[in-house]
Amino acid sequence: MAGVRIDLTPLRTSRDFRLLFSAGTVFYLGGMVSYVALPFQLYQLTGSSFAVGLMGLVELLPLLVFGLYGGALADHVDRRTMLVSTGVAQVVLTALLLVNATLASPRLWAIYAVGALLSVAQSLQRPSREALIPRTVRHDELPAAVSLTSLGSHVGQLAGPTLGGVLVSTTGVASAFAVDVAGLVAATVLFAAMRPYPPGAASTPPSLAGIVEGIRYAVRRRDLLGTYLIDIVAMFMAMPVVLFPALATGVFHRPGLLGLLYTAETVGGLAATATSGWTSRVHHHGRAVVVAATVYGASIGLVGLAPGPWSAMALLAVAGAADMVSAVFRGVIWHQTIPDDKRGRLAGIEMLSYSIGPLGGQARAGLVAGATSVRASIVSGGVLCVIGVAGTAVWLSDFWRYDARTDVHAVHEREVRARAGRQ
């Protein structure tokens, strides 16, 4: 058990990491309540899986633009200030969703408009939050910090959809948005309690040239390129979440199990995170990402063939565990190899890689389900995921051979942090 249990060292040694961890957990708890409520409300108002998937397209453009700009800002301004200001914006916007939900006839256009603005605020915030992790812990604590961050998000993601499913089926979507508002307020207060994190001497002012510089740096490094492309392929091809309302009601005829479908992947991810002590002994991180993403795709494909909801949930749990393993090793590569003066911009690119895939995947799943069936959409997505991940691994053979002990970027960052006293 000592060899697999999660390492809690960063929580003991760093006050600011404790605050960041707590805020992230609360943030995901409230956010995942809305994650259930928003598509449920859209499906309830329209009866269309395409209308639900359309939200992904509405959120995509703000994500593309402001994700990169948010990364540039994270390299130039105080990262705590970014967290607090964007947190306040999300509180106000989610409150607007709450007000709209209380109307006798909720405005469909308002849901899409606020969804787009929330995407802007989230895109500006997330790079600063991700870029703060290496600043709050020692270099050798980064694998544990990444695992703990995943644990906090999975706790929120596990409790959030369960609570959201109960709320939307009993008291309605307005109460779910109210819970999200409370969570966002609490998370923003925790962010405000952190110490300031101003940029370093090598800070780059936010500009198109600075953004392009970050993109070029990411593209030139095939290890980073592999982390982005594998995740984009996996999520774009095999992201079935948008189909859960139709799967629960139209395929399994068990609408009361909708919340459990949303939480099944999180249960698997939480179990994998709680036993992630072994990850610190793995050095070939690229191979771990490829294998985990392949298992994810295969599990999702089998969900489409599941005879009933319980077998589907078991397969979703396996997929969630595999996705968590992939996320941990991708995070370790990012945090252990990227210089701090580029960390914000690269975090913006990372956010795009693990946001574009799911958002595009929602649209793909909805379109395919509308043209064929819910089961066909899920099965085809899983198959395409496995093929796409295997093809990407063959193309990026350097990513497959990545070794944290000898990689020049990992060695350089380790030496830089040792000289700065953050070993």
Protein backbone atom coordinates (compact mmCIF):
# COMPACT_ATOMS: atom_id res chain seq x y z
CA MET A 1 0.00 0.00 0.00
CA ALA A 2 2.88 2.37 0.73
CA GLY A 3 4.03 1.92 -2.87
CA VAL A 4 0.74 2.97 -4.45
CA ARG A 5 -0.93 5.41 -2.05
CA ILE A 6 -0.94 9.04 -3.09
CA ASP A 7 1.91 11.27 -1.88
CA LEU A 8 0.58 14.08 0.34
CA THR A 9 3.92 15.88 0.77
CA PRO A 10 2.99 19.07 -1.17
CA LEU A 11 -0.06 19.59 1.07
CA ARG A 12 2.18 19.41 4.15
CA THR A 13 5.01 21.62 2.88
CA SER A 14 3.26 24.41 0.94
CA ARG A 15 0.51 26.68 2.27
CA ASP A 16 -0.21 28.15 -1.15
CA PHE A 17 -0.48 24.72 -2.74
CA ARG A 18 -3.03 23.84 -0.05
CA LEU A 19 -5.03 26.93 -1.00
CA LEU A 20 -4.70 26.18 -4.71
CA PHE A 21 -5.73 22.57 -4.13
CA SER A 22 -8.73 23.55 -1.96
CA ALA A 23 -9.90 26.22 -4.39
CA GLY A 24 -9.62 23.83 -7.32
CA THR A 25 -11.65 21.18 -5.50
CA VAL A 26 -14.44 23.62 -4.62
CA PHE A 27 -14.28 25.13 -8.11
CA TYR A 28 -14.81 21.75 -9.77
CA LEU A 29 -17.54 20.78 -7.33
CA GLY A 30 -19.69 23.77 -8.27
CA GLY A 31 -18.67 23.69 -11.92
CA MET A 32 -19.65 20.05 -12.37
CA VAL A 33 -23.09 20.74 -10.94
CA SER A 34 -23.61 23.20 -13.80
CA TYR A 35 -21.95 20.74 -16.16
CA VAL A 36 -24.95 18.47 -15.59
CA ALA A 37 -27.55 21.24 -15.37
CA LEU A 38 -26.65 23.13 -18.55
CA PRO A 39 -26.96 20.26 -21.08
CA PHE A 40 -30.00 18.97 -19.20
CA GLN A 41 -31.66 22.37 -19.52
CA LEU A 42 -30.82 22.57 -23.23
CA TYR A 43 -32.13 19.06 -23.87
CA GLN A 44 -35.24 19.82 -21.81
CA LEU A 45 -35.95 22.99 -23.78
CA THR A 46 -35.22 21.58 -27.25
CA GLY A 47 -35.30 17.77 -27.09
CA SER A 48 -32.28 17.82 -29.41
CA SER A 49 -28.83 16.28 -28.86
CA PHE A 50 -27.55 18.60 -31.59
CA ALA A 51 -28.70 21.65 -29.59
CA VAL A 52 -26.75 20.31 -26.63
CA GLY A 53 -23.66 19.68 -28.77
CA LEU A 54 -23.97 23.17 -30.27
CA MET A 55 -22.92 24.63 -26.93
CA GLY A 56 -19.49 23.12 -27.56
CA LEU A 57 -19.20 25.05 -30.82
CA VAL A 58 -20.38 28.26 -29.13
CA GLU A 59 -17.66 27.89 -26.49
CA LEU A 60 -14.95 26.96 -28.98
CA LEU A 61 -14.10 30.35 -30.54
CA PRO A 62 -13.68 32.20 -27.20
CA LEU A 63 -11.52 29.31 -26.03
CA LEU A 64 -9.26 29.56 -29.07
CA VAL A 65 -8.79 33.31 -28.78
CA PHE A 66 -8.74 33.95 -25.05
CA GLY A 67 -6.99 30.73 -24.03
CA LEU A 68 -3.84 31.86 -25.82
CA TYR A 69 -4.21 35.45 -24.61
CA GLY A 70 -4.81 34.24 -21.05
CA GLY A 71 -1.57 32.29 -21.26
CA ALA A 72 0.29 35.40 -22.42
CA LEU A 73 -1.20 37.39 -19.54
CA ALA A 74 -0.13 34.69 -17.07
CA ASP A 75 3.50 35.30 -18.09
CA HIS A 76 3.21 39.06 -17.62
CA VAL A 77 0.90 39.87 -14.68
CA ASP A 78 0.46 38.65 -11.13
CA ARG A 79 -1.08 35.19 -11.46
CA ARG A 80 -3.07 35.51 -8.22
CA THR A 81 -4.68 38.69 -9.54
CA MET A 82 -5.72 36.81 -12.68
CA LEU A 83 -7.33 34.06 -10.60
CA VAL A 84 -9.31 36.48 -8.45
CA SER A 85 -10.53 38.80 -11.23
CA THR A 86 -11.63 35.97 -13.52
CA GLY A 87 -13.24 34.22 -10.56
CA VAL A 88 -15.40 37.26 -9.90
CA ALA A 89 -16.42 37.34 -13.57
CA GLN A 90 -17.51 33.69 -13.42
CA VAL A 91 -19.59 34.37 -10.31
CA VAL A 92 -21.50 37.14 -12.11
CA LEU A 93 -22.03 35.13 -15.31
CA THR A 94 -23.21 31.99 -13.54
CA ALA A 95 -25.61 34.14 -11.53
CA LEU A 96 -27.10 35.25 -14.88
CA LEU A 97 -27.71 31.59 -15.77
CA LEU A 98 -29.44 31.25 -12.41
CA VAL A 99 -31.70 34.24 -13.11
CA ASN A 100 -32.53 32.96 -16.60
CA ALA A 101 -33.43 29.53 -15.21
CA THR A 102 -35.98 31.09 -12.87
CA LEU A 103 -37.92 32.64 -15.75
CA ALA A 104 -41.21 31.06 -16.80
CA SER A 105 -39.70 30.64 -20.28
CA PRO A 106 -35.88 30.56 -20.06
CA ARG A 107 -34.23 32.31 -23.01
CA LEU A 108 -32.31 29.86 -25.18
CA TRP A 109 -30.16 32.62 -26.71
CA ALA A 110 -29.16 33.77 -23.21
CA ILE A 111 -27.86 30.30 -22.35
CA TYR A 112 -25.62 30.27 -25.41
CA ALA A 113 -24.50 33.89 -24.91
CA VAL A 114 -23.58 33.42 -21.25
CA GLY A 115 -21.94 30.10 -22.12
CA ALA A 116 -19.67 31.91 -24.57
CA LEU A 117 -18.77 34.58 -21.99
CA LEU A 118 -18.08 31.94 -19.35
CA SER A 119 -15.73 30.30 -21.84
CA VAL A 120 -13.89 33.63 -22.09
CA ALA A 121 -13.50 33.94 -18.30
CA GLN A 122 -12.46 30.32 -17.85
CA SER A 123 -9.98 30.59 -20.73
CA LEU A 124 -8.35 33.62 -19.14
CA GLN A 125 -8.16 31.98 -15.71
CA ARG A 126 -6.98 28.46 -16.33
CA PRO A 127 -3.44 29.19 -17.67
CA SER A 128 -2.62 31.18 -14.52
CA ARG A 129 -3.95 28.40 -12.30
CA GLU A 130 -1.94 25.74 -14.10
CA ALA A 131 1.19 27.88 -14.27
CA LEU A 132 1.13 28.40 -10.50
CA ILE A 133 1.63 24.74 -9.61
CA PRO A 134 5.42 24.70 -10.24
CA ARG A 135 5.76 27.99 -8.31
CA THR A 136 4.17 26.57 -5.15
CA VAL A 137 6.11 23.28 -4.73
CA ARG A 138 9.60 21.88 -5.06
CA HIS A 139 10.71 20.29 -8.34
CA ASP A 140 10.81 16.78 -6.88
CA GLU A 141 7.28 17.28 -5.50
CA LEU A 142 5.75 17.97 -8.92
CA PRO A 143 4.56 14.41 -9.68
CA ALA A 144 2.79 14.35 -6.30
CA ALA A 145 1.40 17.86 -6.86
CA VAL A 146 -0.01 16.87 -10.25
CA SER A 147 -1.62 13.75 -8.76
CA LEU A 148 -3.10 15.73 -5.87
CA THR A 149 -4.47 18.34 -8.25
CA SER A 150 -6.13 15.54 -10.20
CA LEU A 151 -7.47 14.12 -6.94
CA GLY A 152 -9.04 17.44 -5.99
CA SER A 153 -10.67 17.84 -9.38
CA HIS A 154 -11.93 14.26 -9.32
CA VAL A 155 -13.46 14.73 -5.86
CA GLY A 156 -15.30 17.77 -7.18
CA GLN A 157 -16.24 15.99 -10.38
CA LEU A 158 -17.52 12.99 -8.46
CA ALA A 159 -19.69 14.87 -6.00
CA GLY A 160 -20.72 17.60 -8.46
CA PRO A 161 -22.52 15.52 -11.12
CA THR A 162 -24.17 13.37 -8.45
CA LEU A 163 -25.47 16.47 -6.71
CA GLY A 164 -26.35 18.04 -10.06
CA GLY A 165 -28.33 14.98 -11.15
CA VAL A 166 -30.30 15.03 -7.91
CA LEU A 167 -30.96 18.78 -8.10
CA VAL A 168 -32.14 18.91 -11.71
CA SER A 169 -34.49 15.98 -11.18
CA THR A 170 -35.97 17.32 -7.92
CA THR A 171 -35.67 21.07 -7.39
CA GLY A 172 -34.73 22.09 -10.96
CA VAL A 173 -31.77 23.57 -12.82
CA ALA A 174 -31.94 26.93 -11.01
CA SER A 175 -30.87 25.33 -7.74
CA ALA A 176 -27.95 23.66 -9.53
CA PHE A 177 -26.72 27.03 -10.82
CA ALA A 178 -27.09 28.46 -7.29
CA VAL A 179 -24.74 25.79 -5.95
CA ASP A 180 -22.22 26.65 -8.68
CA VAL A 181 -22.36 30.34 -7.73
CA ALA A 182 -21.62 29.47 -4.10
CA GLY A 183 -18.68 27.27 -5.13
CA LEU A 184 -17.21 29.96 -7.36
CA VAL A 185 -17.43 32.52 -4.53
CA ALA A 186 -15.64 30.16 -2.13
CA ALA A 187 -12.92 29.33 -4.66
CA THR A 188 -12.30 33.00 -5.43
CA VAL A 189 -11.90 33.78 -1.72
CA LEU A 190 -9.31 31.00 -1.44
CA PHE A 191 -7.41 32.36 -4.45
CA ALA A 192 -7.39 35.80 -2.81
CA ALA A 193 -5.77 34.30 0.32
CA MET A 194 -2.65 33.23 -1.63
CA ARG A 195 0.44 35.39 -1.70
CA PRO A 196 1.15 37.47 -4.84
CA TYR A 197 2.94 35.76 -7.74
CA PRO A 198 4.33 38.56 -9.93
CA PRO A 199 6.16 37.70 -13.16
CA GLY A 200 9.91 37.18 -13.20
CA ALA A 201 12.57 39.35 -14.80
CA ALA A 202 12.20 37.52 -18.13
CA SER A 203 8.51 38.43 -18.38
CA THR A 204 7.17 38.86 -21.91
CA PRO A 205 4.43 41.48 -22.44
CA PRO A 206 1.21 39.97 -23.85
CA SER A 207 1.32 40.33 -27.63
CA LEU A 208 0.72 38.38 -30.79
CA ALA A 209 4.48 37.98 -31.17
CA GLY A 210 4.76 36.55 -27.66
CA ILE A 211 1.90 34.11 -28.32
CA VAL A 212 3.50 33.01 -31.60
CA GLU A 213 6.82 32.54 -29.79
CA GLY A 214 5.12 30.20 -27.31
CA ILE A 215 3.41 28.23 -30.10
CA ARG A 216 6.70 27.83 -31.97
CA TYR A 217 8.40 26.62 -28.81
CA ALA A 218 5.66 24.01 -28.27
CA VAL A 219 5.71 22.81 -31.88
CA ARG A 220 9.50 22.49 -31.95
CA ARG A 221 9.41 20.25 -28.88
CA ARG A 222 8.01 16.92 -30.04
CA ASP A 223 7.55 15.74 -26.45
CA LEU A 224 5.13 18.61 -25.80
CA LEU A 225 3.51 18.18 -29.20
CA GLY A 226 2.81 14.55 -28.35
CA THR A 227 1.03 15.47 -25.11
CA TYR A 228 -1.23 17.91 -26.96
CA LEU A 229 -2.07 15.77 -29.97
CA ILE A 230 -2.72 12.53 -28.09
CA ASP A 231 -5.23 14.26 -25.83
CA ILE A 232 -6.93 16.13 -28.68
CA VAL A 233 -7.33 12.93 -30.69
CA ALA A 234 -8.67 10.95 -27.71
CA MET A 235 -11.18 13.58 -26.61
CA PHE A 236 -12.34 14.63 -30.07
CA MET A 237 -13.01 11.07 -31.15
CA ALA A 238 -14.25 9.50 -27.91
CA MET A 239 -15.98 12.14 -25.79
CA PRO A 240 -19.48 10.74 -25.12
CA VAL A 241 -20.65 13.07 -22.34
CA VAL A 242 -22.99 15.10 -24.54
CA LEU A 243 -24.90 11.90 -25.30
CA PHE A 244 -25.52 10.94 -21.67
CA PRO A 245 -29.02 12.50 -21.48
CA ALA A 246 -30.06 10.60 -24.62
CA LEU A 247 -28.27 7.43 -23.45
CA ALA A 248 -30.01 7.47 -20.07
CA THR A 249 -33.48 8.32 -21.35
CA GLY A 250 -33.65 7.03 -24.92
CA VAL A 251 -31.41 3.95 -24.86
CA PHE A 252 -31.48 2.58 -21.31
CA HIS A 253 -34.83 4.21 -20.39
CA ARG A 254 -33.46 5.04 -16.94
CA PRO A 255 -33.39 8.87 -16.64
CA GLY A 256 -32.81 8.59 -12.90
CA LEU A 257 -29.34 7.18 -13.59
CA LEU A 258 -28.17 10.25 -15.53
CA GLY A 259 -26.10 11.57 -12.62
CA LEU A 260 -24.37 8.19 -12.23
CA LEU A 261 -23.40 8.16 -15.90
CA TYR A 262 -21.72 11.52 -15.41
CA THR A 263 -19.86 10.34 -12.30
CA ALA A 264 -18.76 6.90 -13.53
CA GLU A 265 -15.61 8.17 -15.25
CA THR A 266 -14.80 10.28 -12.21
CA VAL A 267 -15.07 7.25 -9.91
CA GLY A 268 -12.48 5.47 -12.03
CA GLY A 269 -10.28 8.54 -12.13
CA LEU A 270 -10.54 9.00 -8.39
CA ALA A 271 -9.58 5.38 -7.74
CA ALA A 272 -6.59 5.69 -10.06
CA THR A 273 -5.52 8.96 -8.43
CA ALA A 274 -5.77 7.56 -4.90
CA THR A 275 -3.38 4.76 -5.91
CA SER A 276 -1.03 6.94 -7.98
CA GLY A 277 2.05 6.54 -5.81
CA TRP A 278 3.55 4.28 -8.47
CA THR A 279 3.61 7.11 -11.02
CA SER A 280 6.72 8.69 -9.46
CA ARG A 281 8.68 5.55 -10.37
CA VAL A 282 7.77 5.72 -14.07
CA HIS A 283 10.19 7.65 -16.28
CA HIS A 284 8.94 6.86 -19.80
CA HIS A 285 6.05 9.27 -19.56
CA GLY A 286 5.27 9.31 -23.28
CA ARG A 287 4.64 5.59 -23.39
CA ALA A 288 2.39 5.83 -20.35
CA VAL A 289 0.30 8.53 -22.06
CA VAL A 290 -0.08 6.50 -25.27
CA VAL A 291 -1.07 3.29 -23.48
CA ALA A 292 -3.52 5.09 -21.21
CA ALA A 293 -5.18 6.95 -24.12
CA THR A 294 -5.54 3.67 -26.03
CA VAL A 295 -7.25 2.01 -23.08
CA TYR A 296 -9.52 5.05 -22.80
CA GLY A 297 -10.65 4.78 -26.43
CA ALA A 298 -11.23 1.04 -26.25
CA SER A 299 -13.32 1.38 -23.08
CA ILE A 300 -15.48 4.15 -24.56
CA GLY A 301 -16.07 2.10 -27.70
CA LEU A 302 -17.33 -0.79 -25.59
CA VAL A 303 -19.73 1.56 -23.77
CA GLY A 304 -21.65 1.85 -27.01
CA LEU A 305 -22.10 -1.94 -27.05
CA ALA A 306 -23.02 -2.24 -23.35
CA PRO A 307 -26.29 -4.15 -22.82
CA GLY A 308 -27.36 -2.06 -19.84
CA PRO A 309 -26.50 1.01 -17.74
CA TRP A 310 -24.44 -0.81 -15.09
CA SER A 311 -22.03 -2.41 -17.56
CA ALA A 312 -21.78 0.95 -19.32
CA MET A 313 -20.88 2.64 -16.03
CA ALA A 314 -18.22 0.00 -15.30
CA LEU A 315 -16.62 0.65 -18.68
CA LEU A 316 -16.81 4.41 -18.13
CA ALA A 317 -14.98 3.92 -14.81
CA VAL A 318 -12.16 2.09 -16.64
CA ALA A 319 -12.05 4.92 -19.18
CA GLY A 320 -11.89 7.49 -16.38
CA ALA A 321 -8.97 5.70 -14.72
CA ALA A 322 -7.08 5.56 -18.01
CA ASP A 323 -7.77 9.24 -18.69
CA MET A 324 -6.46 10.18 -15.24
CA VAL A 325 -3.22 8.26 -15.80
CA SER A 326 -2.75 10.03 -19.13
CA ALA A 327 -3.43 13.42 -17.51
CA VAL A 328 -0.94 12.86 -14.68
CA PHE A 329 1.93 11.97 -17.00
CA ARG A 330 1.13 14.79 -19.40
CA GLY A 331 1.11 17.19 -16.45
CA VAL A 332 4.46 15.93 -15.17
CA ILE A 333 6.05 16.46 -18.58
CA TRP A 334 4.69 20.01 -18.72
CA HIS A 335 5.62 21.08 -15.20
CA GLN A 336 9.06 19.47 -15.15
CA THR A 337 10.30 20.70 -18.52
CA ILE A 338 8.82 24.13 -19.34
CA PRO A 339 10.68 27.30 -18.20
CA ASP A 340 8.69 29.57 -15.89
CA ASP A 341 8.88 32.57 -18.27
CA LYS A 342 6.98 30.49 -20.86
CA ARG A 343 4.79 28.58 -18.42
CA GLY A 344 1.72 30.76 -18.81
CA ARG A 345 1.73 30.73 -22.61
CA LEU A 346 2.33 27.00 -22.71
CA ALA A 347 -0.43 26.52 -20.12
CA GLY A 348 -2.72 28.38 -22.52
CA ILE A 349 -1.79 25.95 -25.28
CA GLU A 350 -2.27 23.03 -22.90
CA MET A 351 -5.71 24.33 -22.00
CA LEU A 352 -6.59 24.45 -25.68
CA SER A 353 -5.38 20.88 -26.15
CA TYR A 354 -7.55 19.46 -23.36
CA SER A 355 -10.49 21.78 -24.08
CA ILE A 356 -10.71 21.81 -27.87
CA GLY A 357 -10.85 18.03 -27.94
CA PRO A 358 -13.86 17.71 -25.58
CA LEU A 359 -15.69 20.68 -27.09
CA GLY A 360 -15.14 19.42 -30.63
CA GLY A 361 -15.94 15.92 -29.41
CA GLN A 362 -19.31 17.10 -28.11
CA ALA A 363 -20.17 18.50 -31.52
CA ARG A 364 -18.90 15.36 -33.30
CA ALA A 365 -20.84 13.04 -31.00
CA GLY A 366 -24.04 15.05 -31.36
CA LEU A 367 -23.78 15.25 -35.15
CA VAL A 368 -23.01 11.54 -35.59
CA ALA A 369 -25.76 10.55 -33.15
CA GLY A 370 -28.21 12.73 -35.06
CA ALA A 371 -27.20 11.17 -38.38
CA THR A 372 -27.03 7.57 -37.12
CA SER A 373 -27.74 6.63 -33.49
CA VAL A 374 -26.42 7.18 -29.99
CA ARG A 375 -24.76 3.75 -29.86
CA ALA A 376 -23.17 4.16 -33.30
CA SER A 377 -21.73 7.52 -32.30
CA ILE A 378 -20.10 6.11 -29.15
CA VAL A 379 -18.72 2.94 -30.79
CA SER A 380 -17.29 4.76 -33.81
CA GLY A 381 -15.68 7.35 -31.55
CA GLY A 382 -13.90 4.71 -29.49
CA VAL A 383 -12.58 2.92 -32.57
CA LEU A 384 -11.35 6.17 -34.16
CA CYS A 385 -9.67 7.11 -30.87
CA VAL A 386 -7.60 3.91 -30.77
CA ILE A 387 -6.58 4.30 -34.41
CA GLY A 388 -5.75 8.00 -33.99
CA VAL A 389 -3.66 7.52 -30.84
CA ALA A 390 -1.68 4.66 -32.41
CA GLY A 391 -1.03 6.71 -35.55
CA THR A 392 0.11 9.72 -33.53
CA ALA A 393 2.50 7.58 -31.47
CA VAL A 394 4.06 6.14 -34.62
CA TRP A 395 4.46 9.60 -36.14
CA LEU A 396 5.93 11.12 -32.95
CA SER A 397 8.40 8.37 -32.13
CA ASP A 398 10.43 10.81 -30.00
CA PHE A 399 7.44 11.17 -27.70
CA TRP A 400 7.26 7.38 -27.30
CA ARG A 401 10.98 7.33 -26.32
CA TYR A 402 10.73 10.24 -23.83
CA ASP A 403 12.67 9.55 -20.60
CA ALA A 404 12.48 12.10 -17.77
CA ARG A 405 15.92 11.06 -16.47
CA THR A 406 17.76 12.00 -19.69
CA ASP A 407 15.52 14.46 -21.57
CA VAL A 408 17.52 17.65 -22.09
CA HIS A 409 14.64 19.94 -21.12
CA ALA A 410 13.85 18.01 -17.94
CA VAL A 411 17.52 17.98 -16.92
CA HIS A 412 17.85 21.73 -17.62
CA GLU A 413 14.79 22.68 -15.56
CA ARG A 414 15.96 20.47 -12.71
CA GLU A 415 19.29 22.29 -12.67
CA VAL A 416 17.66 25.75 -12.91
CA ARG A 417 15.34 25.06 -9.98
CA ALA A 418 18.21 23.59 -7.94
CA ARG A 419 20.18 26.82 -8.40
CA ALA A 420 17.12 28.85 -7.41
CA GLY A 421 16.69 26.80 -4.24
CA ARG A 422 13.41 25.13 -5.38
CA GLN A 423 14.73 21.61 -5.78
